[in-house]
């Protein structure tokens, strides 16, 4: 599967909003018959531009969210502090 730079930018943007794979496919006009291949690329084709765009968008948004939660935790938000403790527990090897 080949994608234009415009499509890859759209994928990155939509992934940053945690859109579903199906919604992303609709927006970049990928037919439903190609969902399996599209999903396979997103899951394991590490060098594919689609994989990179999708995960860059998704992880970038997650970083921003975690930074906001961290700031709230440092400012005394108990739910944010609990969330940060959960992140800490999940990140341990």
PDB file of N, CA and C in Angstrom:
ATOM      1  N   UNK A   1       0.841  -1.171   0.000  1.00  0.00           N
ATOM      2  CA  UNK A   1       0.000   0.000   0.000  1.00  0.00           C
ATOM      3  C   UNK A   1       0.888   1.238   0.000  1.00  0.00           C
ATOM      4  N   UNK A   2       0.538   2.169  -0.854  1.00  0.00           N
ATOM      5  CA  UNK A   2       1.268   3.434  -0.924  1.00  0.00           C
ATOM      6  C   UNK A   2       0.331   4.570  -0.535  1.00  0.00           C
ATOM      7  N   UNK A   3       0.896   5.545   0.147  1.00  0.00           N
ATOM      8  CA  UNK A   3       0.107   6.678   0.630  1.00  0.00           C
ATOM      9  C   UNK A   3       0.809   7.973   0.275  1.00  0.00           C
ATOM     10  N   UNK A   4       0.016   8.988  -0.024  1.00  0.00           N
ATOM     11  CA  UNK A   4       0.574  10.311  -0.305  1.00  0.00           C
ATOM     12  C   UNK A   4       0.990  10.966   1.010  1.00  0.00           C
ATOM     13  N   UNK A   5       1.809  11.985   0.904  1.00  0.00           N
ATOM     14  CA  UNK A   5       2.217  12.736   2.102  1.00  0.00           C
ATOM     15  C   UNK A   5       0.998  13.330   2.803  1.00  0.00           C
ATOM     16  N   UNK A   6       0.033  13.783   2.014  1.00  0.00           N
ATOM     17  CA  UNK A   6      -1.199  14.346   2.571  1.00  0.00           C
ATOM     18  C   UNK A   6      -1.958  13.298   3.387  1.00  0.00           C
ATOM     19  N   UNK A   7      -2.060  12.098   2.850  1.00  0.00           N
ATOM     20  CA  UNK A   7      -2.743  11.020   3.573  1.00  0.00           C
ATOM     21  C   UNK A   7      -2.004  10.675   4.865  1.00  0.00           C
ATOM     22  N   UNK A   8      -0.684  10.634   4.806  1.00  0.00           N
ATOM     23  CA  UNK A   8       0.099  10.309   6.001  1.00  0.00           C
ATOM     24  C   UNK A   8      -0.066  11.381   7.068  1.00  0.00           C
ATOM     25  N   UNK A   9      -0.127  12.635   6.656  1.00  0.00           N
ATOM     26  CA  UNK A   9      -0.359  13.728   7.606  1.00  0.00           C
ATOM     27  C   UNK A   9      -1.741  13.601   8.233  1.00  0.00           C
ATOM     28  N   UNK A  10      -2.740  13.236   7.418  1.00  0.00           N
ATOM     29  CA  UNK A  10      -4.091  13.023   7.944  1.00  0.00           C
ATOM     30  C   UNK A  10      -4.118  11.885   8.953  1.00  0.00           C
ATOM     31  N   UNK A  11      -3.427  10.792   8.622  1.00  0.00           N
ATOM     32  CA  UNK A  11      -3.366   9.648   9.528  1.00  0.00           C
ATOM     33  C   UNK A  11      -2.739  10.077  10.852  1.00  0.00           C
ATOM     34  N   UNK A  12      -1.641  10.793  10.794  1.00  0.00           N
ATOM     35  CA  UNK A  12      -0.975  11.248  12.019  1.00  0.00           C
ATOM     36  C   UNK A  12      -1.906  12.131  12.854  1.00  0.00           C
ATOM     37  N   UNK A  13      -2.584  13.044  12.197  1.00  0.00           N
ATOM     38  CA  UNK A  13      -3.503  13.933  12.892  1.00  0.00           C
ATOM     39  C   UNK A  13      -4.661  13.175  13.531  1.00  0.00           C
ATOM     40  N   UNK A  14      -5.265  12.255  12.786  1.00  0.00           N
ATOM     41  CA  UNK A  14      -6.394  11.498  13.316  1.00  0.00           C
ATOM     42  C   UNK A  14      -5.956  10.544  14.420  1.00  0.00           C
ATOM     43  N   UNK A  15      -4.774   9.957  14.281  1.00  0.00           N
ATOM     44  CA  UNK A  15      -4.259   9.069  15.328  1.00  0.00           C
ATOM     45  C   UNK A  15      -4.024   9.851  16.614  1.00  0.00           C
ATOM     46  N   UNK A  16      -3.635  11.125  16.480  1.00  0.00           N
ATOM     47  CA  UNK A  16      -3.411  11.957  17.670  1.00  0.00           C
ATOM     48  C   UNK A  16      -4.720  12.259  18.397  1.00  0.00           C
ATOM     49  N   UNK A  17      -5.826  12.035  17.715  1.00  0.00           N
ATOM     50  CA  UNK A  17      -7.149  12.218  18.324  1.00  0.00           C
ATOM     51  C   UNK A  17      -7.766  10.884  18.711  1.00  0.00           C
ATOM     52  N   UNK A  18      -6.969   9.816  18.596  1.00  0.00           N
ATOM     53  CA  UNK A  18      -7.381   8.452  18.948  1.00  0.00           C
ATOM     54  C   UNK A  18      -8.605   7.986  18.157  1.00  0.00           C
ATOM     55  N   UNK A  19      -8.633   8.339  16.877  1.00  0.00           N
ATOM     56  CA  UNK A  19      -9.707   7.886  15.989  1.00  0.00           C
ATOM     57  C   UNK A  19      -9.528   6.394  15.743  1.00  0.00           C
ATOM     58  N   UNK A  20     -10.617   5.694  15.453  1.00  0.00           N
ATOM     59  CA  UNK A  20     -10.525   4.269  15.164  1.00  0.00           C
ATOM     60  C   UNK A  20      -9.876   4.048  13.801  1.00  0.00           C
ATOM     61  N   UNK A  21      -9.366   2.853  13.609  1.00  0.00           N
ATOM     62  CA  UNK A  21      -8.764   2.503  12.318  1.00  0.00           C
ATOM     63  C   UNK A  21      -9.797   2.632  11.206  1.00  0.00           C
ATOM     64  N   UNK A  22     -11.011   2.186  11.475  1.00  0.00           N
ATOM     65  CA  UNK A  22     -12.063   2.262  10.457  1.00  0.00           C
ATOM     66  C   UNK A  22     -12.362   3.710  10.073  1.00  0.00           C
ATOM     67  N   UNK A  23     -12.411   4.599  11.063  1.00  0.00           N
ATOM     68  CA  UNK A  23     -12.669   6.008  10.765  1.00  0.00           C
ATOM     69  C   UNK A  23     -11.528   6.618   9.954  1.00  0.00           C
ATOM     70  N   UNK A  24     -10.308   6.256  10.295  1.00  0.00           N
ATOM     71  CA  UNK A  24      -9.156   6.760   9.543  1.00  0.00           C
ATOM     72  C   UNK A  24      -9.240   6.281   8.092  1.00  0.00           C
ATOM     73  N   UNK A  25      -9.573   5.013   7.911  1.00  0.00           N
ATOM     74  CA  UNK A  25      -9.682   4.472   6.553  1.00  0.00           C
ATOM     75  C   UNK A  25     -10.740   5.213   5.744  1.00  0.00           C
ATOM     76  N   UNK A  26     -11.855   5.519   6.365  1.00  0.00           N
ATOM     77  CA  UNK A  26     -12.919   6.257   5.667  1.00  0.00           C
ATOM     78  C   UNK A  26     -12.410   7.620   5.227  1.00  0.00           C
ATOM     79  N   UNK A  27     -11.733   8.303   6.137  1.00  0.00           N
ATOM     80  CA  UNK A  27     -11.277   9.665   5.843  1.00  0.00           C
ATOM     81  C   UNK A  27     -10.207   9.727   4.753  1.00  0.00           C
ATOM     82  N   UNK A  28      -9.361   8.701   4.681  1.00  0.00           N
ATOM     83  CA  UNK A  28      -8.338   8.720   3.635  1.00  0.00           C
ATOM     84  C   UNK A  28      -8.726   7.841   2.435  1.00  0.00           C
ATOM     85  N   UNK A  29      -9.993   7.439   2.420  1.00  0.00           N
ATOM     86  CA  UNK A  29     -10.604   6.744   1.290  1.00  0.00           C
ATOM     87  C   UNK A  29      -9.943   5.401   0.967  1.00  0.00           C
ATOM     88  N   UNK A  30      -9.757   4.593   2.007  1.00  0.00           N
ATOM     89  CA  UNK A  30      -9.277   3.223   1.832  1.00  0.00           C
ATOM     90  C   UNK A  30     -10.501   2.309   1.906  1.00  0.00           C
ATOM     91  N   UNK A  31     -10.706   1.452   0.918  1.00  0.00           N
ATOM     92  CA  UNK A  31     -11.901   0.599   0.934  1.00  0.00           C
ATOM     93  C   UNK A  31     -11.863  -0.422   2.072  1.00  0.00           C
ATOM     94  N   UNK A  32     -13.029  -0.791   2.593  1.00  0.00           N
ATOM     95  CA  UNK A  32     -13.103  -1.766   3.688  1.00  0.00           C
ATOM     96  C   UNK A  32     -12.445  -3.098   3.357  1.00  0.00           C
ATOM     97  N   UNK A  33     -12.374  -3.439   2.086  1.00  0.00           N
ATOM     98  CA  UNK A  33     -11.752  -4.701   1.692  1.00  0.00           C
ATOM     99  C   UNK A  33     -10.251  -4.725   1.993  1.00  0.00           C
ATOM    100  N   UNK A  34      -9.658  -3.568   2.265  1.00  0.00           N
ATOM    101  CA  UNK A  34      -8.224  -3.483   2.551  1.00  0.00           C
ATOM    102  C   UNK A  34      -7.937  -3.295   4.037  1.00  0.00           C
ATOM    103  N   UNK A  35      -8.962  -3.473   4.880  1.00  0.00           N
ATOM    104  CA  UNK A  35      -8.779  -3.249   6.314  1.00  0.00           C
ATOM    105  C   UNK A  35      -7.733  -4.186   6.921  1.00  0.00           C
ATOM    106  N   UNK A  36      -7.730  -5.438   6.506  1.00  0.00           N
ATOM    107  CA  UNK A  36      -6.773  -6.390   7.083  1.00  0.00           C
ATOM    108  C   UNK A  36      -5.331  -5.963   6.782  1.00  0.00           C
ATOM    109  N   UNK A  37      -5.057  -5.602   5.546  1.00  0.00           N
ATOM    110  CA  UNK A  37      -3.710  -5.163   5.177  1.00  0.00           C
ATOM    111  C   UNK A  37      -3.343  -3.871   5.903  1.00  0.00           C
ATOM    112  N   UNK A  38      -4.294  -2.947   5.956  1.00  0.00           N
ATOM    113  CA  UNK A  38      -4.090  -1.668   6.644  1.00  0.00           C
ATOM    114  C   UNK A  38      -3.745  -1.915   8.113  1.00  0.00           C
ATOM    115  N   UNK A  39      -4.520  -2.766   8.771  1.00  0.00           N
ATOM    116  CA  UNK A  39      -4.287  -3.095  10.180  1.00  0.00           C
ATOM    117  C   UNK A  39      -2.956  -3.793  10.381  1.00  0.00           C
ATOM    118  N   UNK A  40      -2.613  -4.695   9.472  1.00  0.00           N
ATOM    119  CA  UNK A  40      -1.329  -5.394   9.575  1.00  0.00           C
ATOM    120  C   UNK A  40      -0.163  -4.408   9.521  1.00  0.00           C
ATOM    121  N   UNK A  41      -0.257  -3.425   8.655  1.00  0.00           N
ATOM    122  CA  UNK A  41       0.793  -2.411   8.557  1.00  0.00           C
ATOM    123  C   UNK A  41       0.902  -1.651   9.875  1.00  0.00           C
ATOM    124  N   UNK A  42      -0.234  -1.250  10.430  1.00  0.00           N
ATOM    125  CA  UNK A  42      -0.226  -0.477  11.676  1.00  0.00           C
ATOM    126  C   UNK A  42       0.312  -1.283  12.851  1.00  0.00           C
ATOM    127  N   UNK A  43       0.164  -2.585  12.801  1.00  0.00           N
ATOM    128  CA  UNK A  43       0.591  -3.422  13.916  1.00  0.00           C
ATOM    129  C   UNK A  43       2.050  -3.838  13.840  1.00  0.00           C
ATOM    130  N   UNK A  44       2.598  -4.039  12.651  1.00  0.00           N
ATOM    131  CA  UNK A  44       3.932  -4.635  12.640  1.00  0.00           C
ATOM    132  C   UNK A  44       4.870  -4.237  11.512  1.00  0.00           C
ATOM    133  N   UNK A  45       4.474  -3.354  10.643  1.00  0.00           N
ATOM    134  CA  UNK A  45       5.359  -2.953   9.542  1.00  0.00           C
ATOM    135  C   UNK A  45       6.163  -1.717   9.957  1.00  0.00           C
ATOM    136  N   UNK A  46       7.110  -1.930  10.858  1.00  0.00           N
ATOM    137  CA  UNK A  46       7.821  -0.845  11.530  1.00  0.00           C
ATOM    138  C   UNK A  46       8.443   0.198  10.600  1.00  0.00           C
ATOM    139  N   UNK A  47       8.842  -0.206   9.446  1.00  0.00           N
ATOM    140  CA  UNK A  47       9.508   0.719   8.532  1.00  0.00           C
ATOM    141  C   UNK A  47       8.549   1.381   7.539  1.00  0.00           C
ATOM    142  N   UNK A  48       7.303   0.978   7.547  1.00  0.00           N
ATOM    143  CA  UNK A  48       6.319   1.523   6.602  1.00  0.00           C
ATOM    144  C   UNK A  48       5.947   2.946   7.021  1.00  0.00           C
ATOM    145  N   UNK A  49       5.858   3.877   6.071  1.00  0.00           N
ATOM    146  CA  UNK A  49       5.487   5.262   6.413  1.00  0.00           C
ATOM    147  C   UNK A  49       4.140   5.376   7.129  1.00  0.00           C
ATOM    148  N   UNK A  50       3.196   4.501   6.806  1.00  0.00           N
ATOM    149  CA  UNK A  50       1.891   4.523   7.478  1.00  0.00           C
ATOM    150  C   UNK A  50       2.053   4.177   8.959  1.00  0.00           C
ATOM    151  N   UNK A  51       2.816   3.144   9.248  1.00  0.00           N
ATOM    152  CA  UNK A  51       3.079   2.747  10.639  1.00  0.00           C
ATOM    153  C   UNK A  51       3.679   3.924  11.405  1.00  0.00           C
ATOM    154  N   UNK A  52       4.673   4.558  10.803  1.00  0.00           N
ATOM    155  CA  UNK A  52       5.360   5.672  11.465  1.00  0.00           C
ATOM    156  C   UNK A  52       4.413   6.845  11.707  1.00  0.00           C
ATOM    157  N   UNK A  53       3.606   7.196  10.726  1.00  0.00           N
ATOM    158  CA  UNK A  53       2.679   8.322  10.869  1.00  0.00           C
ATOM    159  C   UNK A  53       1.641   8.044  11.956  1.00  0.00           C
ATOM    160  N   UNK A  54       1.071   6.854  11.929  1.00  0.00           N
ATOM    161  CA  UNK A  54       0.034   6.495  12.896  1.00  0.00           C
ATOM    162  C   UNK A  54       0.583   6.529  14.327  1.00  0.00           C
ATOM    163  N   UNK A  55       1.700   5.878  14.534  1.00  0.00           N
ATOM    164  CA  UNK A  55       2.237   5.782  15.894  1.00  0.00           C
ATOM    165  C   UNK A  55       2.847   7.098  16.364  1.00  0.00           C
ATOM    166  N   UNK A  56       3.363   7.891  15.461  1.00  0.00           N
ATOM    167  CA  UNK A  56       3.856   9.218  15.831  1.00  0.00           C
ATOM    168  C   UNK A  56       2.701  10.080  16.335  1.00  0.00           C
ATOM    169  N   UNK A  57       1.575  10.032  15.661  1.00  0.00           N
ATOM    170  CA  UNK A  57       0.408  10.803  16.091  1.00  0.00           C
ATOM    171  C   UNK A  57      -0.145  10.318  17.415  1.00  0.00           C
ATOM    172  N   UNK A  58      -0.303   9.002  17.532  1.00  0.00           N
ATOM    173  CA  UNK A  58      -0.870   8.406  18.747  1.00  0.00           C
ATOM    174  C   UNK A  58       0.025   8.651  19.960  1.00  0.00           C
ATOM    175  N   UNK A  59       1.308   8.389  19.803  1.00  0.00           N
ATOM    176  CA  UNK A  59       2.228   8.554  20.931  1.00  0.00           C
ATOM    177  C   UNK A  59       2.447  10.025  21.281  1.00  0.00           C
ATOM    178  N   UNK A  60       2.466  10.878  20.279  1.00  0.00           N
ATOM    179  CA  UNK A  60       2.612  12.311  20.540  1.00  0.00           C
ATOM    180  C   UNK A  60       1.467  12.840  21.394  1.00  0.00           C
ATOM    181  N   UNK A  61       0.256  12.411  21.083  1.00  0.00           N
ATOM    182  CA  UNK A  61      -0.905  12.833  21.871  1.00  0.00           C
ATOM    183  C   UNK A  61      -0.842  12.258  23.279  1.00  0.00           C
ATOM    184  N   UNK A  62      -0.397  11.017  23.395  1.00  0.00           N
ATOM    185  CA  UNK A  62      -0.302  10.411  24.718  1.00  0.00           C
ATOM    186  C   UNK A  62       0.738  11.132  25.578  1.00  0.00           C
ATOM    187  N   UNK A  63       1.832  11.540  24.967  1.00  0.00           N
ATOM    188  CA  UNK A  63       2.853  12.307  25.699  1.00  0.00           C
ATOM    189  C   UNK A  63       2.255  13.608  26.224  1.00  0.00           C
ATOM    190  N   UNK A  64       1.528  14.313  25.366  1.00  0.00           N
ATOM    191  CA  UNK A  64       0.899  15.572  25.790  1.00  0.00           C
ATOM    192  C   UNK A  64      -0.062  15.345  26.947  1.00  0.00           C
ATOM    193  N   UNK A  65      -0.874  14.295  26.847  1.00  0.00           N
ATOM    194  CA  UNK A  65      -1.821  13.988  27.931  1.00  0.00           C
ATOM    195  C   UNK A  65      -1.094  13.680  29.234  1.00  0.00           C
ATOM    196  N   UNK A  66      -0.053  12.875  29.147  1.00  0.00           N
ATOM    197  CA  UNK A  66       0.688  12.521  30.359  1.00  0.00           C
ATOM    198  C   UNK A  66       1.380  13.741  30.961  1.00  0.00           C
ATOM    199  N   UNK A  67       1.856  14.635  30.119  1.00  0.00           N
ATOM    200  CA  UNK A  67       2.451  15.864  30.641  1.00  0.00           C
ATOM    201  C   UNK A  67       1.415  16.702  31.379  1.00  0.00           C
ATOM    202  N   UNK A  68       0.210  16.775  30.840  1.00  0.00           N
ATOM    203  CA  UNK A  68      -0.868  17.516  31.506  1.00  0.00           C
ATOM    204  C   UNK A  68      -1.252  16.859  32.822  1.00  0.00           C
ATOM    205  N   UNK A  69      -1.318  15.538  32.818  1.00  0.00           N
ATOM    206  CA  UNK A  69      -1.645  14.818  34.060  1.00  0.00           C
ATOM    207  C   UNK A  69      -0.551  15.033  35.086  1.00  0.00           C
ATOM    208  N   UNK A  70       0.699  15.009  34.649  1.00  0.00           N
ATOM    209  CA  UNK A  70       1.819  15.240  35.563  1.00  0.00           C
ATOM    210  C   UNK A  70       1.724  16.629  36.188  1.00  0.00           C
ATOM    211  N   UNK A  71       1.424  17.628  35.385  1.00  0.00           N
ATOM    212  CA  UNK A  71       1.301  18.997  35.913  1.00  0.00           C
ATOM    213  C   UNK A  71       0.167  19.079  36.929  1.00  0.00           C
ATOM    214  N   UNK A  72      -0.945  18.444  36.627  1.00  0.00           N
ATOM    215  CA  UNK A  72      -2.069  18.436  37.566  1.00  0.00           C
ATOM    216  C   UNK A  72      -1.675  17.716  38.853  1.00  0.00           C
ATOM    217  N   UNK A  73      -0.934  16.627  38.729  1.00  0.00           N
ATOM    218  CA  UNK A  73      -0.481  15.886  39.914  1.00  0.00           C
ATOM    219  C   UNK A  73       0.440  16.746  40.767  1.00  0.00           C
ATOM    220  N   UNK A  74       1.359  17.452  40.128  1.00  0.00           N
ATOM    221  CA  UNK A  74       2.289  18.319  40.862  1.00  0.00           C
ATOM    222  C   UNK A  74       1.573  19.490  41.522  1.00  0.00           C
ATOM    223  N   UNK A  75       0.415  19.850  40.972  1.00  0.00           N
ATOM    224  CA  UNK A  75      -0.381  20.938  41.547  1.00  0.00           C
ATOM    225  C   UNK A  75      -1.384  20.429  42.584  1.00  0.00           C
ATOM    226  N   UNK A  76      -1.291  19.135  42.930  1.00  0.00           N
ATOM    227  CA  UNK A  76      -2.087  18.624  44.039  1.00  0.00           C
ATOM    228  C   UNK A  76      -3.332  17.842  43.687  1.00  0.00           C
ATOM    229  N   UNK A  77      -3.569  17.568  42.411  1.00  0.00           N
ATOM    230  CA  UNK A  77      -4.757  16.800  42.026  1.00  0.00           C
ATOM    231  C   UNK A  77      -4.572  15.343  42.434  1.00  0.00           C
ATOM    232  N   UNK A  78      -5.423  14.891  43.362  1.00  0.00           N
ATOM    233  CA  UNK A  78      -5.323  13.513  43.823  1.00  0.00           C
ATOM    234  C   UNK A  78      -5.580  12.503  42.713  1.00  0.00           C
ATOM    235  N   UNK A  79      -6.612  12.666  41.871  1.00  0.00           N
ATOM    236  CA  UNK A  79      -6.807  11.706  40.771  1.00  0.00           C
ATOM    237  C   UNK A  79      -5.599  11.673  39.819  1.00  0.00           C
ATOM    238  N   UNK A  80      -5.025  12.833  39.547  1.00  0.00           N
ATOM    239  CA  UNK A  80      -3.854  12.883  38.665  1.00  0.00           C
ATOM    240  C   UNK A  80      -2.655  12.209  39.327  1.00  0.00           C
ATOM    241  N   UNK A  81      -2.504  12.378  40.627  1.00  0.00           N
ATOM    242  CA  UNK A  81      -1.417  11.704  41.333  1.00  0.00           C
ATOM    243  C   UNK A  81      -1.576  10.193  41.255  1.00  0.00           C
ATOM    244  N   UNK A  82      -2.800   9.706  41.430  1.00  0.00           N
ATOM    245  CA  UNK A  82      -3.057   8.268  41.311  1.00  0.00           C
ATOM    246  C   UNK A  82      -2.774   7.757  39.902  1.00  0.00           C
ATOM    247  N   UNK A  83      -3.146   8.549  38.922  1.00  0.00           N
ATOM    248  CA  UNK A  83      -2.880   8.174  37.536  1.00  0.00           C
ATOM    249  C   UNK A  83      -1.377   8.089  37.279  1.00  0.00           C
ATOM    250  N   UNK A  84      -0.624   9.061  37.810  1.00  0.00           N
ATOM    251  CA  UNK A  84       0.834   9.030  37.636  1.00  0.00           C
ATOM    252  C   UNK A  84       1.439   7.823  38.338  1.00  0.00           C
ATOM    253  N   UNK A  85       0.925   7.474  39.505  1.00  0.00           N
ATOM    254  CA  UNK A  85       1.415   6.273  40.187  1.00  0.00           C
ATOM    255  C   UNK A  85       1.127   5.025  39.352  1.00  0.00           C
ATOM    256  N   UNK A  86      -0.048   4.982  38.714  1.00  0.00           N
ATOM    257  CA  UNK A  86      -0.369   3.853  37.830  1.00  0.00           C
ATOM    258  C   UNK A  86       0.568   3.803  36.647  1.00  0.00           C
ATOM    259  N   UNK A  87       0.853   4.960  36.053  1.00  0.00           N
ATOM    260  CA  UNK A  87       1.819   5.007  34.944  1.00  0.00           C
ATOM    261  C   UNK A  87       3.170   4.474  35.407  1.00  0.00           C
ATOM    262  N   UNK A  88       3.588   4.895  36.590  1.00  0.00           N
ATOM    263  CA  UNK A  88       4.856   4.456  37.138  1.00  0.00           C
ATOM    264  C   UNK A  88       4.884   2.937  37.307  1.00  0.00           C
ATOM    265  N   UNK A  89       3.827   2.378  37.871  1.00  0.00           N
ATOM    266  CA  UNK A  89       3.768   0.929  38.079  1.00  0.00           C
ATOM    267  C   UNK A  89       3.778   0.158  36.749  1.00  0.00           C
ATOM    268  N   UNK A  90       3.114   0.708  35.750  1.00  0.00           N
ATOM    269  CA  UNK A  90       3.054   0.045  34.446  1.00  0.00           C
ATOM    270  C   UNK A  90       4.388   0.099  33.703  1.00  0.00           C
ATOM    271  N   UNK A  91       5.197   1.108  34.005  1.00  0.00           N
ATOM    272  CA  UNK A  91       6.432   1.306  33.244  1.00  0.00           C
ATOM    273  C   UNK A  91       7.617   0.523  33.794  1.00  0.00           C
ATOM    274  N   UNK A  92       7.452  -0.085  34.932  1.00  0.00           N
ATOM    275  CA  UNK A  92       8.562  -0.830  35.532  1.00  0.00           C
ATOM    276  C   UNK A  92       8.809  -2.108  34.749  1.00  0.00           C
ATOM    277  N   UNK A  93      10.072  -2.432  34.606  1.00  0.00           N
ATOM    278  CA  UNK A  93      10.451  -3.657  33.871  1.00  0.00           C
ATOM    279  C   UNK A  93      10.221  -4.893  34.679  1.00  0.00           C
TER     280      UNK A  93
END
